[in-house]
Amino acid sequence: PAEKIAYCSFASKALAGTRERMKEKGASEDDLRYFRTIHSMNFHLLGLSRSRVADKKLAEFCKEKKFSLSDVEKKDDDIPYAADKTLDDRFYKQMQEDRANLRSMNFIHPKLRGYAAQYMRFKKNYFDWMKEHDYIDFTGMIEQGIEQGVLPPVDLICIDEWQDLNLLQIKQINMWAANIKTSYHAGDDDQC
């Protein structure tokens, strides 16, 4: 039955096409409750509310902690914050890349070595701010999903766009695959 199937995609666009095809085959919205992006799956399984999502509140972070991220009002759910106009933009992007690639929080990328103290201050302030407000960011949703061992209650899981996944997402999907009866992973090797 469709309600025992999960489908995870990296981005909403691929997900929307799959959901539409499933509806054409007779699946209801309830049948498709586990057809989600990886972040949305964690959001759902962890029982989070939108008011806790830090990624939508970066302007608040900048104001409270005196940092300068550009384009913080971006509303696209699919695309993580990606501006690169200020040094703080570079810090934010590198911090998220490091987390997504399972690097230590003390890791300093060679391109930021000249800014090590400022970068570490930025990271500390960011995590302090999230803790102060009980916020969680998209990367943190996956980290917490792994820590808590959350699994969609399904018999089959399909993972699409494998080529776009980072190490953190792969870690979670491998955990899901080890605990769900059947798992299919698909990707486009021309995009690797």
N, C-alpha and C. Protein backbone atom coordinates (compact mmCIF):
# COMPACT_ATOMS: atom_id res chain seq x y z
N PRO A 1 0.83 -1.20 0.00
CA PRO A 1 0.00 0.00 0.00
C PRO A 1 0.87 1.27 0.00
N ALA A 2 0.39 2.32 -0.63
CA ALA A 2 1.16 3.56 -0.78
C ALA A 2 1.57 4.16 0.56
N GLU A 3 0.71 4.03 1.58
CA GLU A 3 1.06 4.65 2.87
C GLU A 3 2.24 3.96 3.57
N LYS A 4 2.68 2.83 3.06
CA LYS A 4 3.84 2.13 3.62
C LYS A 4 5.10 2.37 2.79
N ILE A 5 5.02 3.38 1.90
CA ILE A 5 6.16 3.74 1.06
C ILE A 5 6.61 5.15 1.42
N ALA A 6 7.92 5.33 1.52
CA ALA A 6 8.49 6.67 1.69
C ALA A 6 9.31 6.98 0.45
N TYR A 7 9.27 8.23 0.06
CA TYR A 7 10.07 8.70 -1.06
C TYR A 7 10.75 9.97 -0.59
N CYS A 8 12.07 9.99 -0.67
CA CYS A 8 12.84 11.17 -0.26
C CYS A 8 13.65 11.68 -1.42
N SER A 9 13.62 12.98 -1.55
CA SER A 9 14.37 13.65 -2.59
C SER A 9 15.15 14.79 -1.96
N PHE A 10 16.21 15.19 -2.62
CA PHE A 10 17.00 16.32 -2.15
C PHE A 10 16.23 17.63 -2.30
N ALA A 11 15.49 17.78 -3.37
CA ALA A 11 14.83 19.05 -3.67
C ALA A 11 13.33 18.86 -3.91
N SER A 12 12.60 19.93 -3.68
CA SER A 12 11.15 19.91 -3.82
C SER A 12 10.67 19.68 -5.25
N LYS A 13 11.44 20.12 -6.23
CA LYS A 13 11.00 19.99 -7.63
C LYS A 13 10.82 18.53 -8.03
N ALA A 14 11.82 17.70 -7.74
CA ALA A 14 11.71 16.28 -8.07
C ALA A 14 10.59 15.63 -7.26
N LEU A 15 10.47 16.03 -6.03
CA LEU A 15 9.42 15.49 -5.16
C LEU A 15 8.03 15.81 -5.71
N ALA A 16 7.83 17.04 -6.16
CA ALA A 16 6.53 17.46 -6.68
C ALA A 16 6.12 16.61 -7.89
N GLY A 17 7.05 16.33 -8.77
CA GLY A 17 6.75 15.50 -9.94
C GLY A 17 6.35 14.09 -9.55
N THR A 18 7.04 13.52 -8.58
CA THR A 18 6.72 12.16 -8.12
C THR A 18 5.37 12.13 -7.43
N ARG A 19 5.11 13.12 -6.59
CA ARG A 19 3.81 13.18 -5.91
C ARG A 19 2.67 13.28 -6.94
N GLU A 20 2.87 14.10 -7.96
CA GLU A 20 1.85 14.28 -8.99
C GLU A 20 1.58 12.96 -9.73
N ARG A 21 2.65 12.24 -10.08
CA ARG A 21 2.47 10.95 -10.76
C ARG A 21 1.75 9.95 -9.86
N MET A 22 2.06 9.96 -8.56
CA MET A 22 1.38 9.05 -7.63
C MET A 22 -0.10 9.39 -7.52
N LYS A 23 -0.44 10.67 -7.51
CA LYS A 23 -1.84 11.07 -7.44
C LYS A 23 -2.58 10.65 -8.71
N GLU A 24 -1.90 10.74 -9.86
CA GLU A 24 -2.51 10.29 -11.11
C GLU A 24 -2.82 8.80 -11.06
N LYS A 25 -2.06 8.06 -10.27
CA LYS A 25 -2.28 6.61 -10.12
C LYS A 25 -3.31 6.31 -9.02
N GLY A 26 -3.88 7.36 -8.39
CA GLY A 26 -4.92 7.15 -7.39
C GLY A 26 -4.50 7.33 -5.95
N ALA A 27 -3.26 7.71 -5.69
CA ALA A 27 -2.82 7.90 -4.30
C ALA A 27 -3.45 9.17 -3.73
N SER A 28 -3.83 9.09 -2.47
CA SER A 28 -4.40 10.26 -1.78
C SER A 28 -3.27 11.05 -1.11
N GLU A 29 -3.59 12.24 -0.66
CA GLU A 29 -2.61 13.07 0.06
C GLU A 29 -2.12 12.33 1.31
N ASP A 30 -3.02 11.63 1.99
CA ASP A 30 -2.65 10.87 3.18
C ASP A 30 -1.70 9.72 2.83
N ASP A 31 -1.92 9.09 1.67
CA ASP A 31 -1.02 8.02 1.22
C ASP A 31 0.40 8.55 1.05
N LEU A 32 0.53 9.82 0.73
CA LEU A 32 1.82 10.41 0.38
C LEU A 32 2.47 11.17 1.55
N ARG A 33 2.04 10.89 2.77
CA ARG A 33 2.56 11.64 3.93
C ARG A 33 4.07 11.46 4.13
N TYR A 34 4.65 10.38 3.59
CA TYR A 34 6.10 10.17 3.70
C TYR A 34 6.81 10.40 2.37
N PHE A 35 6.21 11.16 1.50
CA PHE A 35 6.85 11.61 0.26
C PHE A 35 7.31 13.03 0.55
N ARG A 36 8.59 13.17 0.89
CA ARG A 36 9.10 14.45 1.39
C ARG A 36 10.55 14.66 0.98
N THR A 37 11.00 15.90 1.12
CA THR A 37 12.44 16.13 1.03
C THR A 37 13.05 15.56 2.30
N ILE A 38 14.35 15.39 2.31
CA ILE A 38 15.02 14.84 3.49
C ILE A 38 14.82 15.75 4.70
N HIS A 39 14.92 17.06 4.49
CA HIS A 39 14.72 17.99 5.60
C HIS A 39 13.27 17.92 6.11
N SER A 40 12.33 17.90 5.18
CA SER A 40 10.93 17.84 5.56
C SER A 40 10.60 16.53 6.29
N MET A 41 11.23 15.44 5.88
CA MET A 41 11.01 14.16 6.55
C MET A 41 11.44 14.26 8.01
N ASN A 42 12.60 14.84 8.24
CA ASN A 42 13.07 15.01 9.62
C ASN A 42 12.18 15.96 10.40
N PHE A 43 11.80 17.07 9.77
CA PHE A 43 10.89 18.03 10.39
C PHE A 43 9.63 17.31 10.87
N HIS A 44 9.06 16.49 10.00
CA HIS A 44 7.83 15.75 10.31
C HIS A 44 8.07 14.70 11.41
N LEU A 45 9.10 13.88 11.23
CA LEU A 45 9.35 12.79 12.19
C LEU A 45 9.74 13.30 13.58
N LEU A 46 10.40 14.44 13.63
CA LEU A 46 10.80 15.02 14.91
C LEU A 46 9.67 15.84 15.55
N GLY A 47 8.58 16.03 14.83
CA GLY A 47 7.44 16.77 15.37
C GLY A 47 7.74 18.25 15.59
N LEU A 48 8.52 18.84 14.70
CA LEU A 48 8.92 20.24 14.87
C LEU A 48 7.83 21.19 14.37
N SER A 49 7.91 22.43 14.82
CA SER A 49 7.00 23.46 14.33
C SER A 49 7.81 24.49 13.54
N ARG A 50 7.14 25.15 12.62
CA ARG A 50 7.81 26.15 11.78
C ARG A 50 8.45 27.27 12.61
N SER A 51 7.87 27.56 13.75
CA SER A 51 8.39 28.65 14.58
C SER A 51 9.80 28.35 15.12
N ARG A 52 10.23 27.09 15.05
CA ARG A 52 11.56 26.71 15.54
C ARG A 52 12.63 26.69 14.46
N VAL A 53 12.26 26.92 13.19
CA VAL A 53 13.22 26.78 12.09
C VAL A 53 14.12 28.02 11.99
N ALA A 54 15.37 27.84 12.33
CA ALA A 54 16.34 28.94 12.38
C ALA A 54 16.62 29.54 11.01
N ASP A 55 16.62 28.71 9.96
CA ASP A 55 16.99 29.18 8.62
C ASP A 55 16.10 30.32 8.15
N LYS A 56 14.89 30.40 8.66
CA LYS A 56 13.96 31.45 8.27
C LYS A 56 14.12 32.70 9.15
N LYS A 57 15.04 32.67 10.08
CA LYS A 57 15.19 33.75 11.05
C LYS A 57 16.61 34.32 11.06
N LEU A 58 17.31 34.21 9.96
CA LEU A 58 18.70 34.67 9.93
C LEU A 58 18.81 36.18 10.13
N ALA A 59 17.81 36.94 9.71
CA ALA A 59 17.84 38.38 9.95
C ALA A 59 17.82 38.66 11.45
N GLU A 60 17.05 37.88 12.19
CA GLU A 60 16.99 37.99 13.66
C GLU A 60 18.36 37.69 14.26
N PHE A 61 19.00 36.64 13.77
CA PHE A 61 20.35 36.29 14.24
C PHE A 61 21.31 37.46 14.02
N CYS A 62 21.28 38.03 12.82
CA CYS A 62 22.18 39.15 12.49
C CYS A 62 21.95 40.33 13.42
N LYS A 63 20.69 40.65 13.67
CA LYS A 63 20.36 41.79 14.52
C LYS A 63 20.81 41.54 15.96
N GLU A 64 20.49 40.38 16.49
CA GLU A 64 20.82 40.08 17.89
C GLU A 64 22.32 39.92 18.13
N LYS A 65 23.00 39.27 17.20
CA LYS A 65 24.41 38.94 17.43
C LYS A 65 25.38 39.83 16.67
N LYS A 66 24.84 40.81 15.96
CA LYS A 66 25.66 41.81 15.25
C LYS A 66 26.53 41.21 14.15
N PHE A 67 25.90 40.39 13.31
CA PHE A 67 26.59 39.85 12.14
C PHE A 67 25.92 40.39 10.89
N SER A 68 26.57 40.20 9.75
CA SER A 68 26.09 40.76 8.50
C SER A 68 25.99 39.69 7.42
N LEU A 69 24.83 39.06 7.36
CA LEU A 69 24.55 38.12 6.28
C LEU A 69 23.70 38.85 5.25
N SER A 70 24.04 38.70 3.98
CA SER A 70 23.25 39.35 2.94
C SER A 70 22.13 38.42 2.48
N ASP A 71 21.10 39.00 1.94
CA ASP A 71 19.96 38.24 1.38
C ASP A 71 19.30 37.31 2.40
N VAL A 72 19.22 37.73 3.66
CA VAL A 72 18.66 36.84 4.70
C VAL A 72 17.14 36.72 4.64
N GLU A 73 16.51 37.52 3.84
CA GLU A 73 15.05 37.44 3.74
C GLU A 73 14.59 36.44 2.68
N LYS A 74 15.51 35.73 2.05
CA LYS A 74 15.17 34.75 1.02
C LYS A 74 14.17 33.74 1.57
N LYS A 75 13.14 33.44 0.81
CA LYS A 75 12.05 32.60 1.31
C LYS A 75 11.99 31.21 0.67
N ASP A 76 12.85 30.89 -0.27
CA ASP A 76 12.78 29.61 -0.98
C ASP A 76 13.13 28.46 -0.03
N ASP A 77 12.19 27.54 0.17
CA ASP A 77 12.42 26.41 1.08
C ASP A 77 13.43 25.42 0.54
N ASP A 78 13.61 25.42 -0.77
CA ASP A 78 14.45 24.42 -1.41
C ASP A 78 15.93 24.75 -1.39
N ILE A 79 16.23 26.04 -1.44
CA ILE A 79 17.62 26.43 -1.62
C ILE A 79 18.15 26.98 -0.31
N PRO A 80 19.18 26.34 0.24
CA PRO A 80 19.75 26.87 1.47
C PRO A 80 20.36 28.24 1.23
N TYR A 81 20.50 28.99 2.28
CA TYR A 81 21.11 30.32 2.21
C TYR A 81 22.44 30.21 1.48
N ALA A 82 22.63 31.04 0.43
CA ALA A 82 23.81 30.85 -0.41
C ALA A 82 24.50 32.14 -0.83
N ALA A 83 24.19 33.25 -0.16
CA ALA A 83 24.84 34.51 -0.54
C ALA A 83 26.33 34.42 -0.23
N ASP A 84 27.10 35.23 -0.92
CA ASP A 84 28.55 35.22 -0.70
C ASP A 84 29.10 36.63 -0.87
N LYS A 85 28.44 37.58 -0.21
CA LYS A 85 28.81 38.98 -0.37
C LYS A 85 29.65 39.50 0.80
N THR A 86 29.49 38.91 1.96
CA THR A 86 30.21 39.38 3.15
C THR A 86 31.07 38.25 3.72
N LEU A 87 31.98 38.62 4.60
CA LEU A 87 32.79 37.61 5.28
C LEU A 87 31.89 36.70 6.12
N ASP A 88 30.86 37.27 6.73
CA ASP A 88 29.93 36.45 7.51
C ASP A 88 29.18 35.45 6.62
N ASP A 89 28.87 35.85 5.38
CA ASP A 89 28.27 34.90 4.43
C ASP A 89 29.20 33.70 4.24
N ARG A 90 30.47 33.98 4.06
CA ARG A 90 31.45 32.90 3.87
C ARG A 90 31.52 32.02 5.12
N PHE A 91 31.47 32.63 6.29
CA PHE A 91 31.50 31.85 7.54
C PHE A 91 30.28 30.95 7.63
N TYR A 92 29.10 31.49 7.34
CA TYR A 92 27.87 30.71 7.43
C TYR A 92 27.90 29.53 6.46
N LYS A 93 28.24 29.82 5.21
CA LYS A 93 28.29 28.76 4.20
C LYS A 93 29.31 27.68 4.56
N GLN A 94 30.48 28.09 5.04
CA GLN A 94 31.51 27.11 5.40
C GLN A 94 31.08 26.28 6.60
N MET A 95 30.46 26.92 7.58
CA MET A 95 29.98 26.20 8.76
C MET A 95 28.97 25.13 8.35
N GLN A 96 28.03 25.48 7.48
CA GLN A 96 27.03 24.50 7.06
C GLN A 96 27.65 23.40 6.21
N GLU A 97 28.60 23.77 5.35
CA GLU A 97 29.30 22.76 4.54
C GLU A 97 30.08 21.80 5.43
N ASP A 98 30.74 22.34 6.45
CA ASP A 98 31.51 21.49 7.36
C ASP A 98 30.60 20.51 8.10
N ARG A 99 29.47 21.00 8.57
CA ARG A 99 28.52 20.12 9.27
C ARG A 99 27.98 19.05 8.31
N ALA A 100 27.64 19.46 7.09
CA ALA A 100 27.08 18.53 6.10
C ALA A 100 28.09 17.46 5.71
N ASN A 101 29.37 17.77 5.84
CA ASN A 101 30.42 16.81 5.48
C ASN A 101 31.09 16.19 6.69
N LEU A 102 30.40 16.28 7.83
CA LEU A 102 30.78 15.58 9.06
C LEU A 102 32.16 16.00 9.60
N ARG A 103 32.51 17.25 9.39
CA ARG A 103 33.79 17.75 9.92
C ARG A 103 33.60 18.20 11.36
N SER A 104 34.65 18.13 12.13
CA SER A 104 34.65 18.58 13.52
C SER A 104 34.27 20.05 13.60
N MET A 105 33.61 20.44 14.66
CA MET A 105 33.25 21.84 14.85
C MET A 105 34.50 22.71 15.05
N ASN A 106 35.63 22.11 15.36
CA ASN A 106 36.87 22.86 15.51
C ASN A 106 37.64 22.97 14.19
N PHE A 107 37.14 22.34 13.15
CA PHE A 107 37.80 22.37 11.85
C PHE A 107 37.78 23.79 11.29
N ILE A 108 38.92 24.22 10.77
CA ILE A 108 39.03 25.51 10.08
C ILE A 108 39.48 25.21 8.65
N HIS A 109 38.62 25.51 7.69
CA HIS A 109 38.97 25.28 6.29
C HIS A 109 40.16 26.15 5.92
N PRO A 110 41.08 25.63 5.11
CA PRO A 110 42.27 26.42 4.74
C PRO A 110 41.95 27.82 4.20
N LYS A 111 40.84 27.96 3.48
CA LYS A 111 40.53 29.28 2.93
C LYS A 111 40.08 30.28 4.00
N LEU A 112 39.83 29.80 5.22
CA LEU A 112 39.44 30.69 6.32
C LEU A 112 40.49 30.78 7.41
N ARG A 113 41.64 30.19 7.21
CA ARG A 113 42.66 30.17 8.27
C ARG A 113 43.05 31.56 8.75
N GLY A 114 43.06 32.54 7.86
CA GLY A 114 43.40 33.91 8.26
C GLY A 114 42.32 34.56 9.12
N TYR A 115 41.18 33.90 9.21
CA TYR A 115 40.04 34.42 9.96
C TYR A 115 39.59 33.45 11.05
N ALA A 116 40.48 32.60 11.51
CA ALA A 116 40.11 31.51 12.41
C ALA A 116 39.37 31.99 13.65
N ALA A 117 39.87 33.00 14.32
CA ALA A 117 39.22 33.48 15.56
C ALA A 117 37.83 34.04 15.25
N GLN A 118 37.71 34.81 14.17
CA GLN A 118 36.42 35.39 13.81
C GLN A 118 35.43 34.29 13.41
N TYR A 119 35.92 33.29 12.70
CA TYR A 119 35.06 32.19 12.27
C TYR A 119 34.55 31.40 13.47
N MET A 120 35.42 31.10 14.40
CA MET A 120 35.01 30.36 15.60
C MET A 120 34.02 31.19 16.42
N ARG A 121 34.22 32.51 16.49
CA ARG A 121 33.29 33.39 17.19
C ARG A 121 31.92 33.36 16.50
N PHE A 122 31.92 33.40 15.17
CA PHE A 122 30.68 33.33 14.42
C PHE A 122 29.93 32.04 14.75
N LYS A 123 30.63 30.90 14.68
CA LYS A 123 29.99 29.61 14.95
C LYS A 123 29.43 29.55 16.36
N LYS A 124 30.23 30.01 17.33
CA LYS A 124 29.77 29.99 18.73
C LYS A 124 28.50 30.83 18.88
N ASN A 125 28.51 32.03 18.31
CA ASN A 125 27.33 32.89 18.41
C ASN A 125 26.12 32.28 17.72
N TYR A 126 26.31 31.63 16.60
CA TYR A 126 25.20 31.01 15.88
C TYR A 126 24.57 29.89 16.72
N PHE A 127 25.40 29.03 17.27
CA PHE A 127 24.85 27.92 18.06
C PHE A 127 24.27 28.41 19.39
N ASP A 128 24.90 29.41 19.99
CA ASP A 128 24.33 30.00 21.20
C ASP A 128 22.96 30.60 20.92
N TRP A 129 22.84 31.33 19.80
CA TRP A 129 21.56 31.94 19.42
C TRP A 129 20.48 30.88 19.22
N MET A 130 20.82 29.80 18.53
CA MET A 130 19.81 28.74 18.33
C MET A 130 19.40 28.15 19.67
N LYS A 131 20.35 27.93 20.55
CA LYS A 131 20.04 27.34 21.86
C LYS A 131 19.18 28.30 22.70
N GLU A 132 19.52 29.58 22.69
CA GLU A 132 18.76 30.59 23.45
C GLU A 132 17.30 30.62 23.04
N HIS A 133 17.01 30.40 21.76
CA HIS A 133 15.65 30.50 21.24
C HIS A 133 15.00 29.15 20.97
N ASP A 134 15.70 28.07 21.28
CA ASP A 134 15.21 26.72 20.99
C ASP A 134 14.90 26.55 19.50
N TYR A 135 15.83 27.07 18.66
CA TYR A 135 15.72 26.93 17.22
C TYR A 135 16.52 25.73 16.75
N ILE A 136 16.19 25.29 15.57
CA ILE A 136 16.94 24.23 14.91
C ILE A 136 17.03 24.59 13.42
N ASP A 137 18.18 24.37 12.83
CA ASP A 137 18.30 24.68 11.40
C ASP A 137 18.16 23.40 10.59
N PHE A 138 18.14 23.54 9.26
CA PHE A 138 17.92 22.39 8.41
C PHE A 138 18.97 21.30 8.63
N THR A 139 20.22 21.69 8.77
CA THR A 139 21.28 20.71 9.03
C THR A 139 21.06 20.04 10.38
N GLY A 140 20.68 20.84 11.37
CA GLY A 140 20.41 20.30 12.70
C GLY A 140 19.26 19.31 12.72
N MET A 141 18.29 19.49 11.82
CA MET A 141 17.18 18.53 11.74
C MET A 141 17.70 17.14 11.38
N ILE A 142 18.63 17.10 10.45
CA ILE A 142 19.20 15.80 10.06
C ILE A 142 20.08 15.27 11.18
N GLU A 143 20.90 16.13 11.78
CA GLU A 143 21.75 15.69 12.89
C GLU A 143 20.89 15.12 14.02
N GLN A 144 19.81 15.82 14.37
CA GLN A 144 18.93 15.36 15.44
C GLN A 144 18.18 14.09 15.04
N GLY A 145 17.79 14.01 13.78
CA GLY A 145 17.12 12.80 13.30
C GLY A 145 18.01 11.57 13.44
N ILE A 146 19.30 11.74 13.16
CA ILE A 146 20.26 10.64 13.32
C ILE A 146 20.44 10.32 14.80
N GLU A 147 20.65 11.35 15.62
CA GLU A 147 20.84 11.14 17.06
C GLU A 147 19.67 10.39 17.68
N GLN A 148 18.46 10.77 17.29
CA GLN A 148 17.26 10.16 17.87
C GLN A 148 16.84 8.88 17.15
N GLY A 149 17.50 8.57 16.04
CA GLY A 149 17.18 7.35 15.31
C GLY A 149 15.78 7.34 14.72
N VAL A 150 15.29 8.51 14.30
CA VAL A 150 13.93 8.55 13.75
C VAL A 150 13.88 7.86 12.39
N LEU A 151 12.81 7.13 12.19
CA LEU A 151 12.60 6.38 10.94
C LEU A 151 11.17 6.58 10.46
N PRO A 152 10.98 6.74 9.17
CA PRO A 152 9.59 6.72 8.69
C PRO A 152 9.04 5.31 8.87
N PRO A 153 7.82 5.17 9.38
CA PRO A 153 7.24 3.84 9.63
C PRO A 153 6.71 3.21 8.35
N VAL A 154 7.64 2.80 7.51
CA VAL A 154 7.28 2.26 6.19
C VAL A 154 8.03 0.95 5.95
N ASP A 155 7.62 0.25 4.90
CA ASP A 155 8.28 -0.99 4.51
C ASP A 155 9.25 -0.79 3.35
N LEU A 156 9.08 0.31 2.63
CA LEU A 156 9.92 0.58 1.46
C LEU A 156 10.25 2.06 1.43
N ILE A 157 11.52 2.37 1.16
CA ILE A 157 11.93 3.76 1.01
C ILE A 157 12.71 3.92 -0.29
N CYS A 158 12.37 4.95 -1.03
CA CYS A 158 13.05 5.28 -2.28
C CYS A 158 13.77 6.61 -2.07
N ILE A 159 15.03 6.64 -2.39
CA ILE A 159 15.83 7.86 -2.30
C ILE A 159 16.19 8.29 -3.71
N ASP A 160 15.80 9.50 -4.07
CA ASP A 160 16.08 10.03 -5.40
C ASP A 160 17.15 11.11 -5.29
N GLU A 161 17.81 11.39 -6.39
CA GLU A 161 18.84 12.42 -6.49
C GLU A 161 20.04 12.13 -5.58
N TRP A 162 20.42 10.87 -5.51
CA TRP A 162 21.54 10.45 -4.67
C TRP A 162 22.79 11.30 -4.92
N GLN A 163 22.99 11.69 -6.17
CA GLN A 163 24.19 12.43 -6.54
C GLN A 163 24.26 13.79 -5.85
N ASP A 164 23.14 14.30 -5.35
CA ASP A 164 23.13 15.61 -4.71
C ASP A 164 23.29 15.55 -3.19
N LEU A 165 23.36 14.36 -2.64
CA LEU A 165 23.41 14.23 -1.18
C LEU A 165 24.80 14.51 -0.62
N ASN A 166 24.82 15.03 0.60
CA ASN A 166 26.09 15.25 1.29
C ASN A 166 26.31 14.09 2.27
N LEU A 167 27.44 14.07 2.93
CA LEU A 167 27.79 12.95 3.81
C LEU A 167 26.82 12.80 4.98
N LEU A 168 26.33 13.90 5.53
CA LEU A 168 25.38 13.82 6.63
C LEU A 168 24.08 13.17 6.17
N GLN A 169 23.59 13.58 5.01
CA GLN A 169 22.36 13.00 4.47
C GLN A 169 22.55 11.51 4.15
N ILE A 170 23.70 11.18 3.60
CA ILE A 170 24.00 9.76 3.30
C ILE A 170 24.04 8.94 4.59
N LYS A 171 24.61 9.52 5.63
CA LYS A 171 24.65 8.82 6.93
C LYS A 171 23.23 8.50 7.40
N GLN A 172 22.35 9.47 7.29
CA GLN A 172 20.98 9.22 7.73
C GLN A 172 20.28 8.20 6.83
N ILE A 173 20.44 8.35 5.54
CA ILE A 173 19.78 7.42 4.62
C ILE A 173 20.29 6.00 4.82
N ASN A 174 21.57 5.85 5.07
CA ASN A 174 22.10 4.52 5.37
C ASN A 174 21.48 3.95 6.64
N MET A 175 21.25 4.81 7.64
CA MET A 175 20.59 4.37 8.87
C MET A 175 19.16 3.92 8.55
N TRP A 176 18.46 4.71 7.73
CA TRP A 176 17.10 4.32 7.35
C TRP A 176 17.12 3.00 6.59
N ALA A 177 18.02 2.89 5.61
CA ALA A 177 18.08 1.69 4.78
C ALA A 177 18.37 0.44 5.61
N ALA A 178 19.16 0.58 6.66
CA ALA A 178 19.49 -0.56 7.51
C ALA A 178 18.31 -1.01 8.37
N ASN A 179 17.31 -0.14 8.52
CA ASN A 179 16.19 -0.43 9.41
C ASN A 179 14.83 -0.51 8.71
N ILE A 180 14.81 -0.32 7.41
CA ILE A 180 13.57 -0.42 6.64
C ILE A 180 13.73 -1.61 5.69
N LYS A 181 12.69 -2.40 5.60
CA LYS A 181 12.74 -3.67 4.87
C LYS A 181 13.36 -3.56 3.48
N THR A 182 12.92 -2.59 2.67
CA THR A 182 13.41 -2.46 1.31
C THR A 182 13.80 -1.01 1.04
N SER A 183 14.93 -0.82 0.39
CA SER A 183 15.43 0.52 0.11
C SER A 183 15.98 0.59 -1.32
N TYR A 184 15.53 1.59 -2.05
CA TYR A 184 16.05 1.84 -3.41
C TYR A 184 16.66 3.23 -3.44
N HIS A 185 17.84 3.32 -4.04
CA HIS A 185 18.53 4.61 -4.16
C HIS A 185 18.79 4.86 -5.63
N ALA A 186 18.45 6.06 -6.11
CA ALA A 186 18.64 6.39 -7.52
C ALA A 186 19.35 7.73 -7.64
N GLY A 187 20.18 7.82 -8.65
CA GLY A 187 20.88 9.07 -8.91
C GLY A 187 21.30 9.13 -10.35
N ASP A 188 21.74 10.30 -10.75
CA ASP A 188 22.18 10.53 -12.12
C ASP A 188 23.69 10.65 -12.11
N ASP A 189 24.39 9.60 -12.56
CA ASP A 189 25.86 9.63 -12.51
C ASP A 189 26.45 10.67 -13.45
N ASP A 190 25.67 11.18 -14.39
CA ASP A 190 26.16 12.26 -15.26
C ASP A 190 26.26 13.57 -14.50
N GLN A 191 25.62 13.66 -13.34
CA GLN A 191 25.65 14.88 -12.55
C GLN A 191 26.68 14.81 -11.42
N CYS A 192 27.35 13.69 -11.30
CA CYS A 192 28.34 13.52 -10.22
C CYS A 192 29.64 14.23 -10.54
